[in-house]
All heavy atoms as atom14 arrays in JSON, in Angstrom:
{
  "sequence": "QISVTRDSSDYLWYMTDVTVASNEGFLKSGKWPLLTVMSAGHALHVF",
  "atom14_mask": [
    [1, 1, 1, 1, 1, 1, 1, 1, 1, 0, 0, 0, 0, 0],
    [1, 1, 1, 1, 1, 1, 1, 1, 0, 0, 0, 0, 0, 0],
    [1, 1, 1, 1, 1, 1, 0, 0, 0, 0, 0, 0, 0, 0],
    [1, 1, 1, 1, 1, 1, 1, 0, 0, 0, 0, 0, 0, 0],
    [1, 1, 1, 1, 1, 1, 1, 0, 0, 0, 0, 0, 0, 0],
    [1, 1, 1, 1, 1, 1, 1, 1, 1, 1, 1, 0, 0, 0],
    [1, 1, 1, 1, 1, 1, 1, 1, 0, 0, 0, 0, 0, 0],
    [1, 1, 1, 1, 1, 1, 0, 0, 0, 0, 0, 0, 0, 0],
    [1, 1, 1, 1, 1, 1, 0, 0, 0, 0, 0, 0, 0, 0],
    [1, 1, 1, 1, 1, 1, 1, 1, 0, 0, 0, 0, 0, 0],
    [1, 1, 1, 1, 1, 1, 1, 1, 1, 1, 1, 1, 0, 0],
    [1, 1, 1, 1, 1, 1, 1, 1, 0, 0, 0, 0, 0, 0],
    [1, 1, 1, 1, 1, 1, 1, 1, 1, 1, 1, 1, 1, 1],
    [1, 1, 1, 1, 1, 1, 1, 1, 1, 1, 1, 1, 0, 0],
    [1, 1, 1, 1, 1, 1, 1, 1, 0, 0, 0, 0, 0, 0],
    [1, 1, 1, 1, 1, 1, 1, 0, 0, 0, 0, 0, 0, 0],
    [1, 1, 1, 1, 1, 1, 1, 1, 0, 0, 0, 0, 0, 0],
    [1, 1, 1, 1, 1, 1, 1, 0, 0, 0, 0, 0, 0, 0],
    [1, 1, 1, 1, 1, 1, 1, 0, 0, 0, 0, 0, 0, 0],
    [1, 1, 1, 1, 1, 1, 1, 0, 0, 0, 0, 0, 0, 0],
    [1, 1, 1, 1, 1, 0, 0, 0, 0, 0, 0, 0, 0, 0],
    [1, 1, 1, 1, 1, 1, 0, 0, 0, 0, 0, 0, 0, 0],
    [1, 1, 1, 1, 1, 1, 1, 1, 0, 0, 0, 0, 0, 0],
    [1, 1, 1, 1, 1, 1, 1, 1, 1, 0, 0, 0, 0, 0],
    [1, 1, 1, 1, 0, 0, 0, 0, 0, 0, 0, 0, 0, 0],
    [1, 1, 1, 1, 1, 1, 1, 1, 1, 1, 1, 0, 0, 0],
    [1, 1, 1, 1, 1, 1, 1, 1, 0, 0, 0, 0, 0, 0],
    [1, 1, 1, 1, 1, 1, 1, 1, 1, 0, 0, 0, 0, 0],
    [1, 1, 1, 1, 1, 1, 0, 0, 0, 0, 0, 0, 0, 0],
    [1, 1, 1, 1, 0, 0, 0, 0, 0, 0, 0, 0, 0, 0],
    [1, 1, 1, 1, 1, 1, 1, 1, 1, 0, 0, 0, 0, 0],
    [1, 1, 1, 1, 1, 1, 1, 1, 1, 1, 1, 1, 1, 1],
    [1, 1, 1, 1, 1, 1, 1, 0, 0, 0, 0, 0, 0, 0],
    [1, 1, 1, 1, 1, 1, 1, 1, 0, 0, 0, 0, 0, 0],
    [1, 1, 1, 1, 1, 1, 1, 1, 0, 0, 0, 0, 0, 0],
    [1, 1, 1, 1, 1, 1, 1, 0, 0, 0, 0, 0, 0, 0],
    [1, 1, 1, 1, 1, 1, 1, 0, 0, 0, 0, 0, 0, 0],
    [1, 1, 1, 1, 1, 1, 1, 1, 0, 0, 0, 0, 0, 0],
    [1, 1, 1, 1, 1, 1, 0, 0, 0, 0, 0, 0, 0, 0],
    [1, 1, 1, 1, 1, 0, 0, 0, 0, 0, 0, 0, 0, 0],
    [1, 1, 1, 1, 0, 0, 0, 0, 0, 0, 0, 0, 0, 0],
    [1, 1, 1, 1, 1, 1, 1, 1, 1, 1, 0, 0, 0, 0],
    [1, 1, 1, 1, 1, 0, 0, 0, 0, 0, 0, 0, 0, 0],
    [1, 1, 1, 1, 1, 1, 1, 1, 0, 0, 0, 0, 0, 0],
    [1, 1, 1, 1, 1, 1, 1, 1, 1, 1, 0, 0, 0, 0],
    [1, 1, 1, 1, 1, 1, 1, 0, 0, 0, 0, 0, 0, 0],
    [1, 1, 1, 1, 1, 1, 1, 1, 1, 1, 1, 0, 0, 0]
  ],
  "atom14_positions": [
    [[-0.15, 13.87, 4.61], [0.83, 13.44, 5.6], [1.1, 14.47, 6.69], [1.08, 14.15, 7.88], [2.15, 13.09, 4.89], [3.25, 12.61, 5.84], [4.41, 11.96, 5.11], [4.26, 11.53, 3.97], [5.56, 11.9, 5.75], [0.0, 0.0, 0.0], [0.0, 0.0, 0.0], [0.0, 0.0, 0.0], [0.0, 0.0, 0.0], [0.0, 0.0, 0.0]],
    [[1.39, 15.72, 6.32], [1.77, 16.71, 7.32], [0.61, 17.03, 8.25], [0.8, 17.36, 9.42], [2.31, 17.98, 6.65], [3.45, 17.61, 5.69], [2.81, 18.99, 7.68], [4.61, 16.88, 6.35], [0.0, 0.0, 0.0], [0.0, 0.0, 0.0], [0.0, 0.0, 0.0], [0.0, 0.0, 0.0], [0.0, 0.0, 0.0], [0.0, 0.0, 0.0]],
    [[-0.63, 16.91, 7.75], [-1.78, 17.16, 8.61], [-1.9, 16.1, 9.7], [-2.52, 16.34, 10.74], [-3.07, 17.19, 7.78], [-3.36, 15.9, 7.25], [0.0, 0.0, 0.0], [0.0, 0.0, 0.0], [0.0, 0.0, 0.0], [0.0, 0.0, 0.0], [0.0, 0.0, 0.0], [0.0, 0.0, 0.0], [0.0, 0.0, 0.0], [0.0, 0.0, 0.0]],
    [[-1.27, 14.95, 9.48], [-1.29, 13.88, 10.49], [-0.05, 13.94, 11.37], [-0.14, 13.86, 12.59], [-1.39, 12.49, 9.8], [-1.42, 11.38, 10.86], [-2.65, 12.41, 8.95], [0.0, 0.0, 0.0], [0.0, 0.0, 0.0], [0.0, 0.0, 0.0], [0.0, 0.0, 0.0], [0.0, 0.0, 0.0], [0.0, 0.0, 0.0], [0.0, 0.0, 0.0]],
    [[1.12, 14.1, 10.76], [2.36, 14.09, 11.54], [2.65, 15.43, 12.21], [3.42, 15.48, 13.18], [3.56, 13.76, 10.64], [3.75, 14.83, 9.69], [3.36, 12.45, 9.89], [0.0, 0.0, 0.0], [0.0, 0.0, 0.0], [0.0, 0.0, 0.0], [0.0, 0.0, 0.0], [0.0, 0.0, 0.0], [0.0, 0.0, 0.0], [0.0, 0.0, 0.0]],
    [[2.06, 16.51, 11.72], [2.4, 17.86, 12.17], [3.91, 18.09, 12.07], [4.49, 18.81, 12.86], [1.91, 18.12, 13.59], [0.4, 18.01, 13.75], [-0.3, 19.05, 12.91], [-1.76, 18.95, 13.01], [-2.62, 19.67, 12.28], [-2.15, 20.53, 11.39], [-3.92, 19.53, 12.42], [0.0, 0.0, 0.0], [0.0, 0.0, 0.0], [0.0, 0.0, 0.0]],
    [[4.53, 17.43, 11.1], [5.96, 17.54, 10.83], [6.81, 17.13, 12.04], [7.93, 17.6, 12.2], [6.33, 18.97, 10.39], [7.7, 19.02, 9.73], [8.1, 18.02, 9.11], [8.38, 20.06, 9.86], [0.0, 0.0, 0.0], [0.0, 0.0, 0.0], [0.0, 0.0, 0.0], [0.0, 0.0, 0.0], [0.0, 0.0, 0.0], [0.0, 0.0, 0.0]],
    [[6.29, 16.24, 12.86], [7.07, 15.73, 13.98], [8.04, 14.64, 13.55], [8.94, 14.26, 14.31], [6.13, 15.18, 15.07], [5.35, 14.1, 14.56], [0.0, 0.0, 0.0], [0.0, 0.0, 0.0], [0.0, 0.0, 0.0], [0.0, 0.0, 0.0], [0.0, 0.0, 0.0], [0.0, 0.0, 0.0], [0.0, 0.0, 0.0], [0.0, 0.0, 0.0]],
    [[7.86, 14.14, 12.33], [8.7, 13.08, 11.79], [8.63, 13.12, 10.28], [7.66, 13.62, 9.7], [8.24, 11.72, 12.31], [8.91, 10.66, 11.62], [0.0, 0.0, 0.0], [0.0, 0.0, 0.0], [0.0, 0.0, 0.0], [0.0, 0.0, 0.0], [0.0, 0.0, 0.0], [0.0, 0.0, 0.0], [0.0, 0.0, 0.0], [0.0, 0.0, 0.0]],
    [[9.68, 12.61, 9.63], [9.64, 12.45, 8.17], [8.73, 11.31, 7.75], [8.37, 11.21, 6.58], [11.05, 12.15, 7.63], [11.91, 13.4, 7.5], [11.41, 14.51, 7.78], [13.09, 13.26, 7.13], [0.0, 0.0, 0.0], [0.0, 0.0, 0.0], [0.0, 0.0, 0.0], [0.0, 0.0, 0.0], [0.0, 0.0, 0.0], [0.0, 0.0, 0.0]],
    [[8.36, 10.46, 8.7], [7.75, 9.17, 8.36], [6.3, 9.07, 8.81], [5.95, 9.46, 9.93], [8.56, 8.04, 9.0], [10.01, 8.05, 8.62], [10.98, 8.64, 9.44], [10.43, 7.5, 7.41], [12.31, 8.66, 9.08], [11.77, 7.51, 7.05], [12.71, 8.1, 7.87], [14.02, 8.12, 7.51], [0.0, 0.0, 0.0], [0.0, 0.0, 0.0]],
    [[5.47, 8.52, 7.92], [4.08, 8.21, 8.26], [3.7, 6.89, 7.6], [3.87, 6.71, 6.39], [3.13, 9.31, 7.78], [1.65, 9.05, 8.04], [1.36, 8.99, 9.55], [0.77, 10.11, 7.37], [0.0, 0.0, 0.0], [0.0, 0.0, 0.0], [0.0, 0.0, 0.0], [0.0, 0.0, 0.0], [0.0, 0.0, 0.0], [0.0, 0.0, 0.0]],
    [[3.19, 5.98, 8.43], [2.69, 4.69, 7.93], [1.22, 4.82, 7.54], [0.4, 5.31, 8.3], [2.82, 3.62, 9.01], [4.21, 3.15, 9.28], [5.04, 3.55, 10.29], [4.95, 2.16, 8.54], [6.23, 2.89, 10.23], [6.21, 2.02, 9.17], [4.66, 1.38, 7.42], [7.18, 1.13, 8.71], [5.64, 0.5, 6.96], [6.87, 0.38, 7.59]],
    [[0.9, 4.35, 6.33], [-0.48, 4.17, 5.86], [-0.71, 2.66, 5.78], [0.01, 1.96, 5.06], [-0.67, 4.76, 4.46], [-0.58, 6.26, 4.35], [0.66, 6.91, 4.4], [-1.73, 7.03, 4.16], [0.74, 8.29, 4.27], [-1.64, 8.41, 4.03], [-0.41, 9.04, 4.08], [-0.33, 10.4, 3.94], [0.0, 0.0, 0.0], [0.0, 0.0, 0.0]],
    [[-1.71, 2.15, 6.5], [-1.89, 0.69, 6.59], [-3.36, 0.32, 6.38], [-4.27, 0.98, 6.88], [-1.42, 0.21, 7.97], [0.03, 0.54, 8.27], [0.45, 0.36, 10.03], [-0.43, 1.74, 10.75], [0.0, 0.0, 0.0], [0.0, 0.0, 0.0], [0.0, 0.0, 0.0], [0.0, 0.0, 0.0], [0.0, 0.0, 0.0], [0.0, 0.0, 0.0]],
    [[-3.56, -0.76, 5.65], [-4.9, -1.27, 5.44], [-4.83, -2.78, 5.21], [-3.76, -3.33, 4.96], [-5.58, -0.57, 4.25], [-6.99, -0.84, 4.26], [-4.99, -1.01, 2.92], [0.0, 0.0, 0.0], [0.0, 0.0, 0.0], [0.0, 0.0, 0.0], [0.0, 0.0, 0.0], [0.0, 0.0, 0.0], [0.0, 0.0, 0.0], [0.0, 0.0, 0.0]],
    [[-5.98, -3.43, 5.29], [-6.08, -4.88, 5.05], [-6.79, -5.14, 3.74], [-7.72, -4.41, 3.36], [-6.86, -5.57, 6.18], [-6.09, -5.58, 7.5], [-4.87, -5.35, 7.46], [-6.72, -5.79, 8.55], [0.0, 0.0, 0.0], [0.0, 0.0, 0.0], [0.0, 0.0, 0.0], [0.0, 0.0, 0.0], [0.0, 0.0, 0.0], [0.0, 0.0, 0.0]],
    [[-6.34, -6.17, 3.06], [-6.99, -6.61, 1.82], [-7.29, -8.1, 1.96], [-6.38, -8.91, 2.19], [-6.09, -6.36, 0.6], [-6.7, -7.0, -0.65], [-5.88, -4.88, 0.39], [0.0, 0.0, 0.0], [0.0, 0.0, 0.0], [0.0, 0.0, 0.0], [0.0, 0.0, 0.0], [0.0, 0.0, 0.0], [0.0, 0.0, 0.0], [0.0, 0.0, 0.0]],
    [[-8.56, -8.44, 1.86], [-8.97, -9.84, 1.96], [-9.05, -10.45, 0.57], [-9.69, -9.9, -0.33], [-10.33, -9.96, 2.66], [-10.23, -9.38, 3.97], [-10.74, -11.42, 2.79], [0.0, 0.0, 0.0], [0.0, 0.0, 0.0], [0.0, 0.0, 0.0], [0.0, 0.0, 0.0], [0.0, 0.0, 0.0], [0.0, 0.0, 0.0], [0.0, 0.0, 0.0]],
    [[-8.38, -11.59, 0.41], [-8.35, -12.29, -0.87], [-9.09, -13.61, -0.72], [-8.77, -14.42, 0.16], [-6.9, -12.54, -1.34], [-6.86, -13.42, -2.57], [-6.19, -11.21, -1.61], [0.0, 0.0, 0.0], [0.0, 0.0, 0.0], [0.0, 0.0, 0.0], [0.0, 0.0, 0.0], [0.0, 0.0, 0.0], [0.0, 0.0, 0.0], [0.0, 0.0, 0.0]],
    [[-10.09, -13.8, -1.57], [-10.86, -15.05, -1.54], [-10.02, -16.22, -2.05], [-9.1, -16.04, -2.86], [-12.13, -14.9, -2.37], [0.0, 0.0, 0.0], [0.0, 0.0, 0.0], [0.0, 0.0, 0.0], [0.0, 0.0, 0.0], [0.0, 0.0, 0.0], [0.0, 0.0, 0.0], [0.0, 0.0, 0.0], [0.0, 0.0, 0.0], [0.0, 0.0, 0.0]],
    [[-10.35, -17.41, -1.57], [-9.56, -18.6, -1.93], [-9.74, -19.0, -3.39], [-8.94, -19.77, -3.92], [-9.95, -19.78, -1.03], [-11.33, -20.05, -1.14], [0.0, 0.0, 0.0], [0.0, 0.0, 0.0], [0.0, 0.0, 0.0], [0.0, 0.0, 0.0], [0.0, 0.0, 0.0], [0.0, 0.0, 0.0], [0.0, 0.0, 0.0], [0.0, 0.0, 0.0]],
    [[-10.79, -18.46, -4.04], [-11.02, -18.82, -5.45], [-10.5, -17.78, -6.43], [-10.84, -17.81, -7.61], [-12.53, -19.03, -5.69], [-13.34, -17.75, -5.49], [-12.84, -16.78, -4.92], [-14.59, -17.76, -5.93], [0.0, 0.0, 0.0], [0.0, 0.0, 0.0], [0.0, 0.0, 0.0], [0.0, 0.0, 0.0], [0.0, 0.0, 0.0], [0.0, 0.0, 0.0]],
    [[-9.67, -16.87, -5.94], [-9.1, -15.87, -6.86], [-8.23, -16.56, -7.9], [-7.39, -17.41, -7.57], [-8.26, -14.85, -6.08], [-9.08, -13.8, -5.34], [-9.71, -12.78, -6.27], [-9.39, -12.76, -7.49], [-10.54, -11.97, -5.78], [0.0, 0.0, 0.0], [0.0, 0.0, 0.0], [0.0, 0.0, 0.0], [0.0, 0.0, 0.0], [0.0, 0.0, 0.0]],
    [[-8.41, -16.19, -9.15], [-7.71, -16.83, -10.25], [-6.2, -16.7, -10.16], [-5.47, -17.63, -10.54], [0.0, 0.0, 0.0], [0.0, 0.0, 0.0], [0.0, 0.0, 0.0], [0.0, 0.0, 0.0], [0.0, 0.0, 0.0], [0.0, 0.0, 0.0], [0.0, 0.0, 0.0], [0.0, 0.0, 0.0], [0.0, 0.0, 0.0], [0.0, 0.0, 0.0]],
    [[-5.7, -15.57, -9.65], [-4.25, -15.37, -9.63], [-3.54, -16.34, -8.69], [-2.34, -16.58, -8.84], [-3.9, -13.91, -9.27], [-4.1, -13.56, -7.82], [-3.14, -13.87, -6.87], [-5.26, -12.92, -7.41], [-3.31, -13.54, -5.54], [-5.44, -12.59, -6.08], [-4.47, -12.9, -5.14], [0.0, 0.0, 0.0], [0.0, 0.0, 0.0], [0.0, 0.0, 0.0]],
    [[-4.28, -16.9, -7.72], [-3.66, -17.85, -6.79], [-3.21, -19.12, -7.51], [-2.24, -19.77, -7.11], [-4.63, -18.2, -5.67], [-4.98, -17.04, -4.71], [-6.09, -17.47, -3.74], [-3.74, -16.6, -3.94], [0.0, 0.0, 0.0], [0.0, 0.0, 0.0], [0.0, 0.0, 0.0], [0.0, 0.0, 0.0], [0.0, 0.0, 0.0], [0.0, 0.0, 0.0]],
    [[-3.91, -19.45, -8.59], [-3.55, -20.63, -9.36], [-2.61, -20.29, -10.52], [-1.68, -21.04, -10.82], [-4.82, -21.3, -9.92], [-5.73, -21.89, -8.84], [-6.94, -22.56, -9.47], [-7.85, -23.18, -8.39], [-9.03, -23.84, -8.99], [0.0, 0.0, 0.0], [0.0, 0.0, 0.0], [0.0, 0.0, 0.0], [0.0, 0.0, 0.0], [0.0, 0.0, 0.0]],
    [[-2.85, -19.16, -11.17], [-2.04, -18.79, -12.33], [-0.67, -18.24, -11.94], [0.27, -18.29, -12.73], [-2.77, -17.75, -13.18], [-2.87, -16.51, -12.47], [0.0, 0.0, 0.0], [0.0, 0.0, 0.0], [0.0, 0.0, 0.0], [0.0, 0.0, 0.0], [0.0, 0.0, 0.0], [0.0, 0.0, 0.0], [0.0, 0.0, 0.0], [0.0, 0.0, 0.0]],
    [[-0.57, -17.7, -10.73], [0.69, -17.1, -10.3], [0.92, -15.72, -10.89], [2.01, -15.14, -10.71], [0.0, 0.0, 0.0], [0.0, 0.0, 0.0], [0.0, 0.0, 0.0], [0.0, 0.0, 0.0], [0.0, 0.0, 0.0], [0.0, 0.0, 0.0], [0.0, 0.0, 0.0], [0.0, 0.0, 0.0], [0.0, 0.0, 0.0], [0.0, 0.0, 0.0]],
    [[-0.07, -15.16, -11.57], [0.04, -13.81, -12.11], [-0.49, -12.84, -11.07], [-1.69, -12.6, -10.96], [-0.74, -13.7, -13.42], [-0.52, -12.38, -14.15], [-1.24, -12.35, -15.49], [-0.99, -11.04, -16.21], [-1.69, -10.99, -17.52], [0.0, 0.0, 0.0], [0.0, 0.0, 0.0], [0.0, 0.0, 0.0], [0.0, 0.0, 0.0], [0.0, 0.0, 0.0]],
    [[0.43, -12.29, -10.3], [0.04, -11.52, -9.13], [-0.65, -10.22, -9.5], [-0.36, -9.61, -10.54], [1.28, -11.21, -8.27], [2.05, -12.44, -7.9], [3.29, -12.8, -8.31], [1.61, -13.5, -7.04], [3.67, -14.0, -7.78], [2.65, -14.46, -6.99], [0.44, -13.73, -6.31], [2.55, -15.63, -6.24], [0.34, -14.89, -5.57], [1.38, -15.83, -5.54]],
    [[-1.56, -9.75, -8.65], [-2.28, -8.5, -8.91], [-1.32, -7.3, -8.96], [-0.26, -7.3, -8.34], [-3.25, -8.38, -7.73], [-3.34, -9.74, -7.15], [-2.02, -10.4, -7.41], [0.0, 0.0, 0.0], [0.0, 0.0, 0.0], [0.0, 0.0, 0.0], [0.0, 0.0, 0.0], [0.0, 0.0, 0.0], [0.0, 0.0, 0.0], [0.0, 0.0, 0.0]],
    [[-1.75, -6.29, -9.69], [-0.97, -5.06, -9.83], [-1.44, -4.04, -8.81], [-2.59, -3.6, -8.84], [-1.13, -4.49, -11.25], [-0.37, -3.2, -11.54], [1.14, -3.47, -11.58], [-0.83, -2.58, -12.87], [0.0, 0.0, 0.0], [0.0, 0.0, 0.0], [0.0, 0.0, 0.0], [0.0, 0.0, 0.0], [0.0, 0.0, 0.0], [0.0, 0.0, 0.0]],
    [[-0.54, -3.69, -7.9], [-0.84, -2.65, -6.9], [-0.34, -1.32, -7.44], [0.83, -1.19, -7.79], [-0.18, -2.97, -5.57], [-0.3, -1.9, -4.49], [-1.76, -1.73, -4.05], [0.58, -2.22, -3.29], [0.0, 0.0, 0.0], [0.0, 0.0, 0.0], [0.0, 0.0, 0.0], [0.0, 0.0, 0.0], [0.0, 0.0, 0.0], [0.0, 0.0, 0.0]],
    [[-1.23, -0.33, -7.48], [-0.87, 1.01, -7.91], [-1.16, 1.99, -6.77], [-2.27, 2.03, -6.25], [-1.64, 1.43, -9.17], [-1.34, 0.51, -10.23], [-1.26, 2.84, -9.6], [0.0, 0.0, 0.0], [0.0, 0.0, 0.0], [0.0, 0.0, 0.0], [0.0, 0.0, 0.0], [0.0, 0.0, 0.0], [0.0, 0.0, 0.0], [0.0, 0.0, 0.0]],
    [[-0.13, 2.74, -6.39], [-0.25, 3.72, -5.32], [0.23, 5.06, -5.86], [1.38, 5.18, -6.28], [0.6, 3.34, -4.09], [0.45, 4.39, -2.99], [0.22, 1.95, -3.59], [0.0, 0.0, 0.0], [0.0, 0.0, 0.0], [0.0, 0.0, 0.0], [0.0, 0.0, 0.0], [0.0, 0.0, 0.0], [0.0, 0.0, 0.0], [0.0, 0.0, 0.0]],
    [[-0.64, 6.04, -5.84], [-0.26, 7.38, -6.28], [-0.06, 8.26, -5.05], [-0.91, 8.29, -4.15], [-1.32, 7.97, -7.21], [-1.52, 7.15, -8.47], [-2.56, 7.93, -9.71], [-1.47, 9.24, -10.27], [0.0, 0.0, 0.0], [0.0, 0.0, 0.0], [0.0, 0.0, 0.0], [0.0, 0.0, 0.0], [0.0, 0.0, 0.0], [0.0, 0.0, 0.0]],
    [[1.09, 8.95, -5.01], [1.45, 9.73, -3.82], [1.87, 11.13, -4.22], [2.45, 11.34, -5.3], [2.59, 9.03, -3.07], [3.12, 9.86, -2.06], [0.0, 0.0, 0.0], [0.0, 0.0, 0.0], [0.0, 0.0, 0.0], [0.0, 0.0, 0.0], [0.0, 0.0, 0.0], [0.0, 0.0, 0.0], [0.0, 0.0, 0.0], [0.0, 0.0, 0.0]],
    [[1.62, 12.07, -3.33], [2.08, 13.45, -3.53], [3.55, 13.59, -3.2], [4.13, 14.67, -3.34], [1.24, 14.41, -2.7], [0.0, 0.0, 0.0], [0.0, 0.0, 0.0], [0.0, 0.0, 0.0], [0.0, 0.0, 0.0], [0.0, 0.0, 0.0], [0.0, 0.0, 0.0], [0.0, 0.0, 0.0], [0.0, 0.0, 0.0], [0.0, 0.0, 0.0]],
    [[4.19, 12.54, -2.74], [5.64, 12.56, -2.49], [5.95, 12.41, -1.02], [5.04, 12.37, -0.19], [0.0, 0.0, 0.0], [0.0, 0.0, 0.0], [0.0, 0.0, 0.0], [0.0, 0.0, 0.0], [0.0, 0.0, 0.0], [0.0, 0.0, 0.0], [0.0, 0.0, 0.0], [0.0, 0.0, 0.0], [0.0, 0.0, 0.0], [0.0, 0.0, 0.0]],
    [[7.23, 12.22, -0.71], [8.37, 12.41, -1.61], [9.09, 11.09, -1.87], [9.79, 10.96, -2.86], [9.34, 13.43, -1.02], [8.64, 14.7, -0.63], [8.83, 15.3, 0.59], [7.72, 15.46, -1.27], [8.1, 16.39, 0.69], [7.42, 16.51, -0.43], [0.0, 0.0, 0.0], [0.0, 0.0, 0.0], [0.0, 0.0, 0.0], [0.0, 0.0, 0.0]],
    [[8.95, 10.14, -0.95], [9.49, 8.79, -1.14], [8.5, 7.8, -0.54], [7.72, 8.15, 0.36], [10.87, 8.65, -0.5], [0.0, 0.0, 0.0], [0.0, 0.0, 0.0], [0.0, 0.0, 0.0], [0.0, 0.0, 0.0], [0.0, 0.0, 0.0], [0.0, 0.0, 0.0], [0.0, 0.0, 0.0], [0.0, 0.0, 0.0], [0.0, 0.0, 0.0]],
    [[8.55, 6.55, -1.02], [7.55, 5.57, -0.58], [8.16, 4.18, -0.56], [8.85, 3.77, -1.5], [6.35, 5.58, -1.53], [5.2, 4.64, -1.19], [4.47, 5.12, 0.07], [4.22, 4.56, -2.37], [0.0, 0.0, 0.0], [0.0, 0.0, 0.0], [0.0, 0.0, 0.0], [0.0, 0.0, 0.0], [0.0, 0.0, 0.0], [0.0, 0.0, 0.0]],
    [[7.91, 3.46, 0.55], [8.29, 2.05, 0.66], [7.01, 1.24, 0.84], [6.18, 1.57, 1.7], [9.21, 1.84, 1.87], [10.41, 2.72, 1.88], [11.49, 2.54, 1.05], [10.7, 3.82, 2.63], [12.39, 3.47, 1.28], [11.94, 4.26, 2.24], [0.0, 0.0, 0.0], [0.0, 0.0, 0.0], [0.0, 0.0, 0.0], [0.0, 0.0, 0.0]],
    [[6.87, 0.2, 0.04], [5.64, -0.62, 0.05], [5.96, -1.98, 0.67], [6.86, -2.69, 0.19], [5.08, -0.78, -1.37], [3.87, -1.7, -1.36], [4.74, 0.58, -1.96], [0.0, 0.0, 0.0], [0.0, 0.0, 0.0], [0.0, 0.0, 0.0], [0.0, 0.0, 0.0], [0.0, 0.0, 0.0], [0.0, 0.0, 0.0], [0.0, 0.0, 0.0]],
    [[5.23, -2.33, 1.72], [5.39, -3.61, 2.39], [4.1, -4.42, 2.26], [3.0, -3.91, 2.5], [5.72, -3.4, 3.88], [7.06, -2.78, 4.12], [7.22, -1.41, 4.06], [8.17, -3.58, 4.4], [8.46, -0.83, 4.29], [9.41, -3.0, 4.62], [9.55, -1.62, 4.56], [0.0, 0.0, 0.0], [0.0, 0.0, 0.0], [0.0, 0.0, 0.0]]
  ]
}
């Protein structure tokens, strides 16, 4: 984070796209996928 922000802000957005095929089983079962994000800190909001 600090290598990107140069400490100009407390906040840094990390953004990516995930494409889900229409035949994914969870779309029918309703058992949503498990997202795991490991961070060096210090706080995290997931959207």
